[in-house]
PDB file of N, CA and C in Angstrom:
ATOM      1  N   LYS A   1      62.707  86.867  68.463  1.00  0.00           N
ATOM      2  CA  LYS A   1      63.374  87.131  69.789  1.00  0.00           C
ATOM      3  C   LYS A   1      64.910  87.079  69.813  1.00  0.00           C
ATOM      4  N   LEU A   2      65.080  88.037  70.772  1.00  0.00           N
ATOM      5  CA  LEU A   2      66.775  88.662  70.851  1.00  0.00           C
ATOM      6  C   LEU A   2      67.846  87.052  70.920  1.00  0.00           C
ATOM      7  N   LYS A   3      69.121  86.769  70.503  1.00  0.00           N
ATOM      8  CA  LYS A   3      69.448  85.815  70.878  1.00  0.00           C
ATOM      9  C   LYS A   3      71.022  86.497  70.816  1.00  0.00           C
ATOM     10  N   ILE A   4      72.062  86.303  72.216  1.00  0.00           N
ATOM     11  CA  ILE A   4      73.381  86.820  71.520  1.00  0.00           C
ATOM     12  C   ILE A   4      74.609  85.663  72.480  1.00  0.00           C
ATOM     13  N   HIS A   5      75.062  85.789  71.493  1.00  0.00           N
ATOM     14  CA  HIS A   5      76.876  84.576  71.710  1.00  0.00           C
ATOM     15  C   HIS A   5      77.491  85.630  71.710  1.00  0.00           C
ATOM     16  N   ALA A   6      77.625  85.220  73.081  1.00  0.00           N
ATOM     17  CA  ALA A   6      78.984  85.870  73.925  1.00  0.00           C
ATOM     18  C   ALA A   6      80.244  84.976  73.267  1.00  0.00           C
ATOM     19  N   LEU A   7      81.589  85.736  72.558  1.00  0.00           N
ATOM     20  CA  LEU A   7      82.773  84.753  72.994  1.00  0.00           C
ATOM     21  C   LEU A   7      83.984  85.957  73.358  1.00  0.00           C
ATOM     22  N   ASP A   8      84.853  85.138  73.960  1.00  0.00           N
ATOM     23  CA  ASP A   8      85.622  85.736  74.665  1.00  0.00           C
ATOM     24  C   ASP A   8      87.268  85.268  74.440  1.00  0.00           C
ATOM     25  N   PHE A   9      88.274  85.823  74.481  1.00  0.00           N
ATOM     26  CA  PHE A   9      89.917  85.105  74.474  1.00  0.00           C
ATOM     27  C   PHE A   9      90.076  84.353  75.983  1.00  0.00           C
ATOM     28  N   SER A  10      89.092  84.832  76.608  1.00  0.00           N
ATOM     29  CA  SER A  10      89.462  84.970  78.560  1.00  0.00           C
ATOM     30  C   SER A  10      88.727  83.772  78.868  1.00  0.00           C
ATOM     31  N   GLU A  11      89.273  82.608  79.076  1.00  0.00           N
ATOM     32  CA  GLU A  11      88.467  81.230  79.719  1.00  0.00           C
ATOM     33  C   GLU A  11      87.970  81.743  80.961  1.00  0.00           C
ATOM     34  N   THR A  12      88.748  82.649  81.733  1.00  0.00           N
ATOM     35  CA  THR A  12      87.940  83.112  82.843  1.00  0.00           C
ATOM     36  C   THR A  12      86.675  84.318  82.774  1.00  0.00           C
ATOM     37  N   ALA A  13      87.109  84.984  81.687  1.00  0.00           N
ATOM     38  CA  ALA A  13      85.887  85.412  81.362  1.00  0.00           C
ATOM     39  C   ALA A  13      84.034  85.182  81.316  1.00  0.00           C
ATOM     40  N   ILE A  14      85.010  83.968  80.276  1.00  0.00           N
ATOM     41  CA  ILE A  14      83.661  82.874  79.847  1.00  0.00           C
ATOM     42  C   ILE A  14      82.854  82.518  81.039  1.00  0.00           C
ATOM     43  N   ARG A  15      84.095  81.641  81.787  1.00  0.00           N
ATOM     44  CA  ARG A  15      83.200  80.751  82.834  1.00  0.00           C
ATOM     45  C   ARG A  15      82.561  81.682  84.117  1.00  0.00           C
ATOM     46  N   THR A  16      82.688  82.995  84.097  1.00  0.00           N
ATOM     47  CA  THR A  16      81.964  84.382  84.939  1.00  0.00           C
ATOM     48  C   THR A  16      80.931  84.359  84.687  1.00  0.00           C
ATOM     49  N   LEU A  17      81.069  84.826  82.869  1.00  0.00           N
ATOM     50  CA  LEU A  17      79.427  84.836  81.836  1.00  0.00           C
ATOM     51  C   LEU A  17      78.725  84.048  82.665  1.00  0.00           C
ATOM     52  N   SER A  18      79.138  82.655  82.074  1.00  0.00           N
ATOM     53  CA  SER A  18      78.104  81.270  81.776  1.00  0.00           C
ATOM     54  C   SER A  18      77.418  81.248  83.438  1.00  0.00           C
ATOM     55  N   GLU A  19      78.568  81.395  84.453  1.00  0.00           N
ATOM     56  CA  GLU A  19      77.977  81.056  85.807  1.00  0.00           C
ATOM     57  C   GLU A  19      76.325  82.511  86.020  1.00  0.00           C
ATOM     58  N   LYS A  20      76.979  83.526  85.332  1.00  0.00           N
ATOM     59  CA  LYS A  20      75.541  84.230  85.579  1.00  0.00           C
ATOM     60  C   LYS A  20      74.749  84.135  84.383  1.00  0.00           C
ATOM     61  N   ILE A  21      74.721  83.567  83.603  1.00  0.00           N
ATOM     62  CA  ILE A  21      73.993  83.029  82.170  1.00  0.00           C
ATOM     63  C   ILE A  21      72.638  81.713  83.225  1.00  0.00           C
ATOM     64  N   GLU A  22      73.621  81.028  84.285  1.00  0.00           N
ATOM     65  CA  GLU A  22      73.122  79.779  84.619  1.00  0.00           C
ATOM     66  C   GLU A  22      72.098  80.551  85.800  1.00  0.00           C
ATOM     67  N   ARG A  23      72.711  81.693  86.437  1.00  0.00           N
ATOM     68  CA  ARG A  23      71.893  81.997  87.879  1.00  0.00           C
ATOM     69  C   ARG A  23      70.677  82.791  87.126  1.00  0.00           C
ATOM     70  N   LEU A  24      70.967  83.014  86.386  1.00  0.00           N
ATOM     71  CA  LEU A  24      69.435  84.211  85.431  1.00  0.00           C
ATOM     72  C   LEU A  24      69.162  83.329  84.722  1.00  0.00           C
ATOM     73  N   ASN A  25      69.277  81.588  84.809  1.00  0.00           N
ATOM     74  CA  ASN A  25      68.194  81.429  83.760  1.00  0.00           C
ATOM     75  C   ASN A  25      68.086  82.024  82.180  1.00  0.00           C
ATOM     76  N   LEU A  26      68.989  82.183  81.794  1.00  0.00           N
ATOM     77  CA  LEU A  26      68.937  82.801  80.335  1.00  0.00           C
ATOM     78  C   LEU A  26      69.453  81.825  79.378  1.00  0.00           C
ATOM     79  N   GLY A  27      69.971  80.339  79.226  1.00  0.00           N
ATOM     80  CA  GLY A  27      70.800  79.507  78.524  1.00  0.00           C
ATOM     81  C   GLY A  27      69.794  79.650  77.912  1.00  0.00           C
ATOM     82  N   GLU A  28      68.503  79.734  77.025  1.00  0.00           N
ATOM     83  CA  GLU A  28      67.902  79.511  76.175  1.00  0.00           C
ATOM     84  C   GLU A  28      67.942  81.051  75.200  1.00  0.00           C
ATOM     85  N   ARG A  29      68.410  81.946  75.609  1.00  0.00           N
ATOM     86  CA  ARG A  29      68.991  83.035  74.689  1.00  0.00           C
ATOM     87  C   ARG A  29      70.201  83.539  74.586  1.00  0.00           C
ATOM     88  N   VAL A  30      71.139  83.331  75.364  1.00  0.00           N
ATOM     89  CA  VAL A  30      72.774  84.019  75.755  1.00  0.00           C
ATOM     90  C   VAL A  30      73.327  82.563  75.651  1.00  0.00           C
ATOM     91  N   ARG A  31      74.000  82.461  75.033  1.00  0.00           N
ATOM     92  CA  ARG A  31      75.373  81.583  75.389  1.00  0.00           C
ATOM     93  C   ARG A  31      76.961  82.289  74.868  1.00  0.00           C
ATOM     94  N   ALA A  32      77.639  81.909  75.905  1.00  0.00           N
ATOM     95  CA  ALA A  32      78.999  82.090  75.901  1.00  0.00           C
ATOM     96  C   ALA A  32      80.431  81.320  75.273  1.00  0.00           C
ATOM     97  N   ASN A  33      80.921  81.263  75.020  1.00  0.00           N
ATOM     98  CA  ASN A  33      82.048  80.525  74.220  1.00  0.00           C
ATOM     99  C   ASN A  33      83.712  81.451  74.194  1.00  0.00           C
ATOM    100  N   GLN A  34      84.169  80.133  74.583  1.00  0.00           N
ATOM    101  CA  GLN A  34      85.945  80.736  74.677  1.00  0.00           C
ATOM    102  C   GLN A  34      86.134  80.750  72.993  1.00  0.00           C
ATOM    103  N   HIS A  35      87.031  81.827  72.549  1.00  0.00           N
ATOM    104  CA  HIS A  35      87.063  81.697  70.896  1.00  0.00           C
ATOM    105  C   HIS A  35      88.271  82.555  70.834  1.00  0.00           C
ATOM    106  N   ASP A  36      89.003  82.209  69.974  1.00  0.00           N
ATOM    107  CA  ASP A  36      90.304  82.976  70.030  1.00  0.00           C
ATOM    108  C   ASP A  36      90.012  83.690  68.355  1.00  0.00           C
ATOM    109  N   ILE A  37      89.620  84.822  67.993  1.00  0.00           N
ATOM    110  CA  ILE A  37      89.176  85.572  67.070  1.00  0.00           C
ATOM    111  C   ILE A  37      90.238  85.452  65.878  1.00  0.00           C
ATOM    112  N   THR A  38      91.312  85.304  66.245  1.00  0.00           N
ATOM    113  CA  THR A  38      92.511  85.558  65.165  1.00  0.00           C
ATOM    114  C   THR A  38      92.738  84.018  64.677  1.00  0.00           C
ATOM    115  N   SER A  39      92.746  82.918  64.927  1.00  0.00           N
ATOM    116  CA  SER A  39      92.338  81.349  65.222  1.00  0.00           C
ATOM    117  C   SER A  39      91.335  81.248  63.494  1.00  0.00           C
ATOM    118  N   GLU A  40      92.180  80.276  62.647  1.00  0.00           N
ATOM    119  CA  GLU A  40      91.256  79.263  61.444  1.00  0.00           C
ATOM    120  C   GLU A  40      90.024  79.056  61.801  1.00  0.00           C
ATOM    121  N   LYS A  41      89.793  78.622  62.569  1.00  0.00           N
ATOM    122  CA  LYS A  41      88.740  78.062  63.451  1.00  0.00           C
ATOM    123  C   LYS A  41      86.986  78.974  62.930  1.00  0.00           C
ATOM    124  N   ASN A  42      86.224  78.615  62.574  1.00  0.00           N
ATOM    125  CA  ASN A  42      84.855  78.959  62.793  1.00  0.00           C
ATOM    126  C   ASN A  42      84.414  79.631  64.076  1.00  0.00           C
ATOM    127  N   PHE A  43      83.760  80.208  63.975  1.00  0.00           N
ATOM    128  CA  PHE A  43      82.782  80.729  65.221  1.00  0.00           C
ATOM    129  C   PHE A  43      82.206  79.777  65.921  1.00  0.00           C
ATOM    130  N   PRO A  44      82.355  79.254  67.271  1.00  0.00           N
ATOM    131  CA  PRO A  44      81.317  78.491  67.477  1.00  0.00           C
ATOM    132  C   PRO A  44      79.753  78.992  67.750  1.00  0.00           C
ATOM    133  N   ILE A  45      79.165  79.099  66.233  1.00  0.00           N
ATOM    134  CA  ILE A  45      77.866  79.466  66.459  1.00  0.00           C
ATOM    135  C   ILE A  45      76.871  78.129  65.595  1.00  0.00           C
ATOM    136  N   GLU A  46      76.132  78.430  65.513  1.00  0.00           N
ATOM    137  CA  GLU A  46      75.427  76.839  64.427  1.00  0.00           C
ATOM    138  C   GLU A  46      75.957  77.538  62.688  1.00  0.00           C
ATOM    139  N   ASP A  47      75.983  76.683  62.186  1.00  0.00           N
ATOM    140  CA  ASP A  47      75.975  76.360  60.853  1.00  0.00           C
ATOM    141  C   ASP A  47      74.869  77.581  60.035  1.00  0.00           C
ATOM    142  N   GLU A  48      73.510  77.499  60.650  1.00  0.00           N
ATOM    143  CA  GLU A  48      72.457  78.601  60.403  1.00  0.00           C
ATOM    144  C   GLU A  48      72.854  79.596  60.700  1.00  0.00           C
ATOM    145  N   MET A  49      73.597  80.152  61.356  1.00  0.00           N
ATOM    146  CA  MET A  49      73.630  81.402  61.792  1.00  0.00           C
ATOM    147  C   MET A  49      74.455  82.542  61.105  1.00  0.00           C
ATOM    148  N   TYR A  50      75.198  81.320  60.065  1.00  0.00           N
ATOM    149  CA  TYR A  50      76.294  82.571  58.900  1.00  0.00           C
ATOM    150  C   TYR A  50      75.138  82.889  57.811  1.00  0.00           C
ATOM    151  N   GLY A  51      75.895  83.998  57.989  1.00  0.00           N
ATOM    152  CA  GLY A  51      75.086  84.983  57.046  1.00  0.00           C
ATOM    153  C   GLY A  51      73.675  85.974  57.552  1.00  0.00           C
ATOM    154  N   LYS A  52      73.219  85.670  58.729  1.00  0.00           N
ATOM    155  CA  LYS A  52      72.251  85.732  59.299  1.00  0.00           C
ATOM    156  C   LYS A  52      72.152  86.281  60.680  1.00  0.00           C
ATOM    157  N   VAL A  53      73.207  87.124  60.950  1.00  0.00           N
ATOM    158  CA  VAL A  53      73.319  87.863  62.257  1.00  0.00           C
ATOM    159  C   VAL A  53      73.042  89.624  62.164  1.00  0.00           C
ATOM    160  N   ASP A  54      71.946  89.820  62.811  1.00  0.00           N
ATOM    161  CA  ASP A  54      72.052  91.414  62.519  1.00  0.00           C
ATOM    162  C   ASP A  54      72.775  91.874  63.010  1.00  0.00           C
ATOM    163  N   ALA A  55      74.085  91.817  64.082  1.00  0.00           N
ATOM    164  CA  ALA A  55      74.612  92.888  64.720  1.00  0.00           C
ATOM    165  C   ALA A  55      76.074  92.336  65.028  1.00  0.00           C
ATOM    166  N   ALA A  56      77.025  92.511  65.683  1.00  0.00           N
ATOM    167  CA  ALA A  56      78.335  92.176  66.141  1.00  0.00           C
ATOM    168  C   ALA A  56      79.131  92.983  66.828  1.00  0.00           C
ATOM    169  N   MET A  57      79.273  93.043  68.276  1.00  0.00           N
ATOM    170  CA  MET A  57      79.717  94.316  68.500  1.00  0.00           C
ATOM    171  C   MET A  57      80.919  93.505  69.162  1.00  0.00           C
ATOM    172  N   MET A  58      82.218  94.619  69.134  1.00  0.00           N
ATOM    173  CA  MET A  58      83.613  94.186  69.552  1.00  0.00           C
ATOM    174  C   MET A  58      83.587  95.188  70.423  1.00  0.00           C
ATOM    175  N   ILE A  59      84.167  94.578  71.777  1.00  0.00           N
ATOM    176  CA  ILE A  59      84.398  95.851  72.644  1.00  0.00           C
ATOM    177  C   ILE A  59      85.800  95.726  73.379  1.00  0.00           C
ATOM    178  N   PHE A  60      86.366  96.690  73.237  1.00  0.00           N
ATOM    179  CA  PHE A  60      87.903  96.451  73.541  1.00  0.00           C
ATOM    180  C   PHE A  60      88.580  95.267  73.295  1.00  0.00           C
ATOM    181  N   CYS A  61      88.448  94.524  72.056  1.00  0.00           N
ATOM    182  CA  CYS A  61      88.980  93.423  71.407  1.00  0.00           C
ATOM    183  C   CYS A  61      90.201  93.817  70.308  1.00  0.00           C
ATOM    184  N   LEU A  62      90.239  94.493  69.462  1.00  0.00           N
ATOM    185  CA  LEU A  62      90.637  94.689  68.036  1.00  0.00           C
ATOM    186  C   LEU A  62      92.519  95.598  68.851  1.00  0.00           C
ATOM    187  N   SER A  63      91.839  96.176  69.982  1.00  0.00           N
ATOM    188  CA  SER A  63      93.099  97.323  70.473  1.00  0.00           C
ATOM    189  C   SER A  63      93.948  95.799  71.333  1.00  0.00           C
ATOM    190  N   ALA A  64      93.785  94.870  71.597  1.00  0.00           N
ATOM    191  CA  ALA A  64      94.444  93.547  72.251  1.00  0.00           C
ATOM    192  C   ALA A  64      95.115  92.798  71.009  1.00  0.00           C
ATOM    193  N   ILE A  65      95.193  92.451  69.732  1.00  0.00           N
ATOM    194  CA  ILE A  65      95.549  91.991  68.676  1.00  0.00           C
ATOM    195  C   ILE A  65      96.254  92.648  67.702  1.00  0.00           C
ATOM    196  N   PRO A  66      97.225  92.366  67.229  1.00  0.00           N
ATOM    197  CA  PRO A  66      97.810  92.862  66.055  1.00  0.00           C
ATOM    198  C   PRO A  66      97.629  93.545  65.001  1.00  0.00           C
ATOM    199  N   PRO A  67      97.913  94.735  64.519  1.00  0.00           N
ATOM    200  CA  PRO A  67      96.862  95.319  63.169  1.00  0.00           C
ATOM    201  C   PRO A  67      97.237  94.145  62.412  1.00  0.00           C
ATOM    202  N   SER A  68      98.276  93.884  62.048  1.00  0.00           N
ATOM    203  CA  SER A  68      98.264  92.617  61.022  1.00  0.00           C
ATOM    204  C   SER A  68      96.782  91.884  60.570  1.00  0.00           C
ATOM    205  N   PHE A  69      96.433  91.414  62.151  1.00  0.00           N
ATOM    206  CA  PHE A  69      95.398  90.090  61.960  1.00  0.00           C
ATOM    207  C   PHE A  69      94.272  90.708  61.887  1.00  0.00           C
ATOM    208  N   HIS A  70      93.977  92.131  61.682  1.00  0.00           N
ATOM    209  CA  HIS A  70      92.648  93.104  61.860  1.00  0.00           C
ATOM    210  C   HIS A  70      91.852  92.720  60.281  1.00  0.00           C
ATOM    211  N   PRO A  71      92.275  92.694  59.033  1.00  0.00           N
ATOM    212  CA  PRO A  71      91.605  92.324  57.598  1.00  0.00           C
ATOM    213  C   PRO A  71      91.056  90.956  58.100  1.00  0.00           C
ATOM    214  N   LYS A  72      91.752  89.927  58.255  1.00  0.00           N
ATOM    215  CA  LYS A  72      91.563  88.470  58.831  1.00  0.00           C
ATOM    216  C   LYS A  72      90.134  88.634  59.450  1.00  0.00           C
ATOM    217  N   ILE A  73      89.960  89.236  60.593  1.00  0.00           N
ATOM    218  CA  ILE A  73      89.017  89.233  61.811  1.00  0.00           C
ATOM    219  C   ILE A  73      87.965  89.920  61.073  1.00  0.00           C
ATOM    220  N   PHE A  74      88.127  90.827  60.282  1.00  0.00           N
ATOM    221  CA  PHE A  74      86.921  91.384  59.800  1.00  0.00           C
ATOM    222  C   PHE A  74      86.131  90.450  58.500  1.00  0.00           C
ATOM    223  N   LEU A  75      87.146  89.968  57.942  1.00  0.00           N
ATOM    224  CA  LEU A  75      86.654  88.860  56.645  1.00  0.00           C
ATOM    225  C   LEU A  75      85.586  87.965  57.791  1.00  0.00           C
ATOM    226  N   LYS A  76      86.142  87.667  58.738  1.00  0.00           N
ATOM    227  CA  LYS A  76      85.514  86.402  59.249  1.00  0.00           C
ATOM    228  C   LYS A  76      84.215  87.073  60.075  1.00  0.00           C
ATOM    229  N   ILE A  77      84.617  88.105  60.441  1.00  0.00           N
ATOM    230  CA  ILE A  77      83.074  88.250  60.884  1.00  0.00           C
ATOM    231  C   ILE A  77      81.625  88.923  59.737  1.00  0.00           C
ATOM    232  N   SER A  78      82.570  89.378  58.829  1.00  0.00           N
ATOM    233  CA  SER A  78      81.502  89.500  57.869  1.00  0.00           C
ATOM    234  C   SER A  78      80.560  88.317  57.082  1.00  0.00           C
ATOM    235  N   LYS A  79      81.913  87.369  57.583  1.00  0.00           N
ATOM    236  CA  LYS A  79      80.714  85.694  56.928  1.00  0.00           C
ATOM    237  C   LYS A  79      79.506  85.572  57.853  1.00  0.00           C
ATOM    238  N   VAL A  80      79.400  85.913  58.858  1.00  0.00           N
ATOM    239  CA  VAL A  80      78.707  85.512  59.863  1.00  0.00           C
ATOM    240  C   VAL A  80      77.115  86.872  59.391  1.00  0.00           C
ATOM    241  N   LEU A  81      77.555  88.327  59.675  1.00  0.00           N
ATOM    242  CA  LEU A  81      76.595  89.395  59.567  1.00  0.00           C
ATOM    243  C   LEU A  81      75.729  88.737  58.403  1.00  0.00           C
ATOM    244  N   ARG A  82      74.445  89.032  58.309  1.00  0.00           N
ATOM    245  CA  ARG A  82      73.659  88.962  57.579  1.00  0.00           C
ATOM    246  C   ARG A  82      73.960  90.540  56.608  1.00  0.00           C
ATOM    247  N   LYS A  83      73.347  90.553  55.125  1.00  0.00           N
ATOM    248  CA  LYS A  83      73.604  91.796  54.471  1.00  0.00           C
ATOM    249  C   LYS A  83      73.170  92.583  54.729  1.00  0.00           C
ATOM    250  N   GLY A  84      73.496  93.653  55.313  1.00  0.00           N
ATOM    251  CA  GLY A  84      72.970  95.447  55.641  1.00  0.00           C
ATOM    252  C   GLY A  84      73.483  95.063  57.594  1.00  0.00           C
ATOM    253  N   GLY A  85      73.963  94.002  58.067  1.00  0.00           N
ATOM    254  CA  GLY A  85      74.508  93.853  59.294  1.00  0.00           C
ATOM    255  C   GLY A  85      75.200  95.010  60.215  1.00  0.00           C
ATOM    256  N   LEU A  86      75.437  95.018  61.030  1.00  0.00           N
ATOM    257  CA  LEU A  86      75.972  96.181  61.587  1.00  0.00           C
ATOM    258  C   LEU A  86      77.674  95.487  62.634  1.00  0.00           C
ATOM    259  N   LEU A  87      78.560  95.990  62.517  1.00  0.00           N
ATOM    260  CA  LEU A  87      79.520  95.599  63.021  1.00  0.00           C
ATOM    261  C   LEU A  87      79.566  97.137  64.124  1.00  0.00           C
ATOM    262  N   LEU A  88      79.670  96.553  65.502  1.00  0.00           N
ATOM    263  CA  LEU A  88      79.794  97.723  66.345  1.00  0.00           C
ATOM    264  C   LEU A  88      81.168  97.746  67.088  1.00  0.00           C
ATOM    265  N   ILE A  89      81.790  98.712  67.243  1.00  0.00           N
ATOM    266  CA  ILE A  89      83.206  98.488  68.296  1.00  0.00           C
ATOM    267  C   ILE A  89      83.702 100.159  68.487  1.00  0.00           C
ATOM    268  N   ARG A  90      84.066  99.180  69.899  1.00  0.00           N
ATOM    269  CA  ARG A  90      84.355 100.230  70.757  1.00  0.00           C
ATOM    270  C   ARG A  90      85.817  99.774  71.335  1.00  0.00           C
ATOM    271  N   ASP A  91      86.827 100.919  70.913  1.00  0.00           N
ATOM    272  CA  ASP A  91      87.798 100.685  71.329  1.00  0.00           C
ATOM    273  C   ASP A  91      89.187 101.729  71.850  1.00  0.00           C
ATOM    274  N   TYR A  92      90.199 102.039  71.873  1.00  0.00           N
ATOM    275  CA  TYR A  92      90.794 103.102  72.485  1.00  0.00           C
ATOM    276  C   TYR A  92      91.028 103.776  71.572  1.00  0.00           C
ATOM    277  N   ALA A  93      91.379 104.912  71.736  1.00  0.00           N
ATOM    278  CA  ALA A  93      91.273 106.011  70.634  1.00  0.00           C
ATOM    279  C   ALA A  93      92.846 106.464  70.616  1.00  0.00           C
ATOM    280  N   ARG A  94      94.039 106.723  69.506  1.00  0.00           N
ATOM    281  CA  ARG A  94      95.046 107.805  69.906  1.00  0.00           C
ATOM    282  C   ARG A  94      94.560 109.248  70.612  1.00  0.00           C
ATOM    283  N   PHE A  95      96.282 108.990  71.426  1.00  0.00           N
ATOM    284  CA  PHE A  95      95.693 110.188  72.262  1.00  0.00           C
ATOM    285  C   PHE A  95      94.848 110.087  73.416  1.00  0.00           C
ATOM    286  N   ASP A  96      94.288 108.791  73.805  1.00  0.00           N
ATOM    287  CA  ASP A  96      93.649 108.411  74.712  1.00  0.00           C
ATOM    288  C   ASP A  96      94.892 108.568  75.748  1.00  0.00           C
ATOM    289  N   GLU A  97      94.089 108.924  77.337  1.00  0.00           N
ATOM    290  CA  GLU A  97      94.723 109.245  78.201  1.00  0.00           C
ATOM    291  C   GLU A  97      95.256 108.051  78.968  1.00  0.00           C
ATOM    292  N   ALA A  98      95.075 106.883  78.742  1.00  0.00           N
ATOM    293  CA  ALA A  98      95.764 105.510  78.899  1.00  0.00           C
ATOM    294  C   ALA A  98      96.895 105.545  77.859  1.00  0.00           C
ATOM    295  N   GLN A  99      97.016 105.639  76.644  1.00  0.00           N
ATOM    296  CA  GLN A  99      98.271 105.781  75.379  1.00  0.00           C
ATOM    297  C   GLN A  99      99.200 106.769  76.264  1.00  0.00           C
ATOM    298  N   LEU A 100      98.931 108.466  76.703  1.00  0.00           N
ATOM    299  CA  LEU A 100      99.426 109.007  77.011  1.00  0.00           C
ATOM    300  C   LEU A 100     100.645 108.658  78.390  1.00  0.00           C
ATOM    301  N   LYS A 101      99.821 107.944  78.920  1.00  0.00           N
ATOM    302  CA  LYS A 101     100.608 107.414  80.435  1.00  0.00           C
ATOM    303  C   LYS A 101     101.479 106.095  80.361  1.00  0.00           C
ATOM    304  N   LEU A 102     101.803 105.602  79.077  1.00  0.00           N
ATOM    305  CA  LEU A 102     102.736 104.687  78.731  1.00  0.00           C
ATOM    306  C   LEU A 102     103.714 105.251  78.247  1.00  0.00           C
ATOM    307  N   PRO A 103     105.016 104.985  78.878  1.00  0.00           N
ATOM    308  CA  PRO A 103     106.348 104.477  78.606  1.00  0.00           C
ATOM    309  C   PRO A 103     106.488 104.468  77.139  1.00  0.00           C
ATOM    310  N   PRO A 104     107.857 105.224  76.784  1.00  0.00           N
ATOM    311  CA  PRO A 104     108.076 105.047  75.387  1.00  0.00           C
ATOM    312  C   PRO A 104     108.443 103.444  75.356  1.00  0.00           C
ATOM    313  N   LYS A 105     109.601 103.055  76.449  1.00  0.00           N
ATOM    314  CA  LYS A 105     109.836 101.550  76.129  1.00  0.00           C
ATOM    315  C   LYS A 105     109.052 100.810  76.137  1.00  0.00           C
ATOM    316  N   PHE A 106     107.300 100.695  76.411  1.00  0.00           N
ATOM    317  CA  PHE A 106     106.238  99.855  76.111  1.00  0.00           C
ATOM    318  C   PHE A 106     105.646  99.841  74.731  1.00  0.00           C
ATOM    319  N   ARG A 107     106.497 100.753  73.694  1.00  0.00           N
ATOM    320  CA  ARG A 107     105.846 101.258  72.214  1.00  0.00           C
ATOM    321  C   ARG A 107     106.398  99.932  71.527  1.00  0.00           C
ATOM    322  N   ILE A 108     105.365  98.726  70.344  1.00  0.00           N
ATOM    323  CA  ILE A 108     106.386  98.262  69.944  1.00  0.00           C
ATOM    324  C   ILE A 108     106.056  98.462  68.207  1.00  0.00           C
ATOM    325  N   GLU A 109     105.397  99.571  67.895  1.00  0.00           N
ATOM    326  CA  GLU A 109     105.116 100.089  66.926  1.00  0.00           C
ATOM    327  C   GLU A 109     104.413 101.051  66.647  1.00  0.00           C
ATOM    328  N   GLU A 110     104.151 102.374  65.623  1.00  0.00           N
ATOM    329  CA  GLU A 110     103.358 103.473  65.708  1.00  0.00           C
ATOM    330  C   GLU A 110     101.783 102.681  66.503  1.00  0.00           C
ATOM    331  N   ASN A 111     101.607 103.490  67.592  1.00  0.00           N
ATOM    332  CA  ASN A 111     100.547 103.398  68.168  1.00  0.00           C
ATOM    333  C   ASN A 111     100.064 102.098  69.079  1.00  0.00           C
ATOM    334  N   PHE A 112     101.092 100.769  69.063  1.00  0.00           N
ATOM    335  CA  PHE A 112     100.719  99.267  69.243  1.00  0.00           C
ATOM    336  C   PHE A 112     101.597  99.368  70.207  1.00  0.00           C
ATOM    337  N   TYR A 113     101.206  99.092  72.180  1.00  0.00           N
ATOM    338  CA  TYR A 113     101.893  98.850  72.722  1.00  0.00           C
ATOM    339  C   TYR A 113     101.877  97.483  73.587  1.00  0.00           C
ATOM    340  N   VAL A 114     102.890  97.368  74.120  1.00  0.00           N
ATOM    341  CA  VAL A 114     102.537  96.291  75.302  1.00  0.00           C
ATOM    342  C   VAL A 114     102.490  96.789  76.680  1.00  0.00           C
ATOM    343  N   ARG A 115     101.319  96.417  77.473  1.00  0.00           N
ATOM    344  CA  ARG A 115     101.669  97.014  78.669  1.00  0.00           C
ATOM    345  C   ARG A 115     102.039  96.367  79.668  1.00  0.00           C
ATOM    346  N   SER A 116     101.807  96.470  81.005  1.00  0.00           N
ATOM    347  CA  SER A 116     103.410  96.189  82.154  1.00  0.00           C
ATOM    348  C   SER A 116     102.408  94.598  82.592  1.00  0.00           C
ATOM    349  N   ASP A 117     101.111  94.226  82.051  1.00  0.00           N
ATOM    350  CA  ASP A 117     100.631  92.849  82.496  1.00  0.00           C
ATOM    351  C   ASP A 117     100.780  91.654  80.916  1.00  0.00           C
ATOM    352  N   PHE A 118     101.453  92.522  80.102  1.00  0.00           N
ATOM    353  CA  PHE A 118     102.026  91.864  78.862  1.00  0.00           C
ATOM    354  C   PHE A 118     100.712  92.143  78.334  1.00  0.00           C
ATOM    355  N   THR A 119      99.592  92.360  78.364  1.00  0.00           N
ATOM    356  CA  THR A 119      98.656  92.728  77.028  1.00  0.00           C
ATOM    357  C   THR A 119      98.822  93.899  76.490  1.00  0.00           C
ATOM    358  N   MET A 120      98.647  93.934  75.020  1.00  0.00           N
ATOM    359  CA  MET A 120      98.165  94.611  74.006  1.00  0.00           C
ATOM    360  C   MET A 120      97.853  95.582  73.773  1.00  0.00           C
ATOM    361  N   ALA A 121      97.924  96.918  73.612  1.00  0.00           N
ATOM    362  CA  ALA A 121      97.093  97.869  73.135  1.00  0.00           C
ATOM    363  C   ALA A 121      97.553  98.769  71.854  1.00  0.00           C
ATOM    364  N   TYR A 122      96.458  98.504  71.337  1.00  0.00           N
ATOM    365  CA  TYR A 122      96.640  99.144  69.923  1.00  0.00           C
ATOM    366  C   TYR A 122      95.629 100.811  70.004  1.00  0.00           C
ATOM    367  N   TYR A 123      96.378 101.616  69.143  1.00  0.00           N
ATOM    368  CA  TYR A 123      95.409 102.884  69.805  1.00  0.00           C
ATOM    369  C   TYR A 123      95.008 103.619  68.170  1.00  0.00           C
ATOM    370  N   PHE A 124      93.954 103.585  68.027  1.00  0.00           N
ATOM    371  CA  PHE A 124      93.146 103.745  66.811  1.00  0.00           C
ATOM    372  C   PHE A 124      93.039 105.022  66.502  1.00  0.00           C
ATOM    373  N   GLU A 125      92.972 105.406  64.928  1.00  0.00           N
ATOM    374  CA  GLU A 125      92.676 106.797  64.414  1.00  0.00           C
ATOM    375  C   GLU A 125      91.619 106.377  63.385  1.00  0.00           C
ATOM    376  N   LEU A 126      90.501 107.800  63.208  1.00  0.00           N
ATOM    377  CA  LEU A 126      89.757 107.320  62.245  1.00  0.00           C
ATOM    378  C   LEU A 126      90.656 107.311  60.979  1.00  0.00           C
ATOM    379  N   GLU A 127      90.229 106.479  60.228  1.00  0.00           N
ATOM    380  CA  GLU A 127      90.445 106.616  58.773  1.00  0.00           C
ATOM    381  C   GLU A 127      89.350 106.139  57.836  1.00  0.00           C
TER     382      GLU A 127
END
């Protein structure tokens, strides 16, 4: 039976998702929690889930976090994934149209920018 634990930094996003979960009566299968993945705190999931998660998805998450945090984040995620578990990532890539439209003054460092709304965006390369 599929269970989903949705995490987001945004309290607004979690509130919106939680309302939808309740409206669709999915509370037994879907949970939503606000969480800062860069924090030292464990994920807000049951302890027995550690090492048993089949797959984790990060959608436009890493690009919003300074690259210096990425190794710590991957280590944190590896602790919840089962052996052979999958980490699926969808994010920005170097030379995306969004990156090409950003003025040079928004550049923090190589491929890392702050946008006009003060969110960050990192543009990845295959490495």
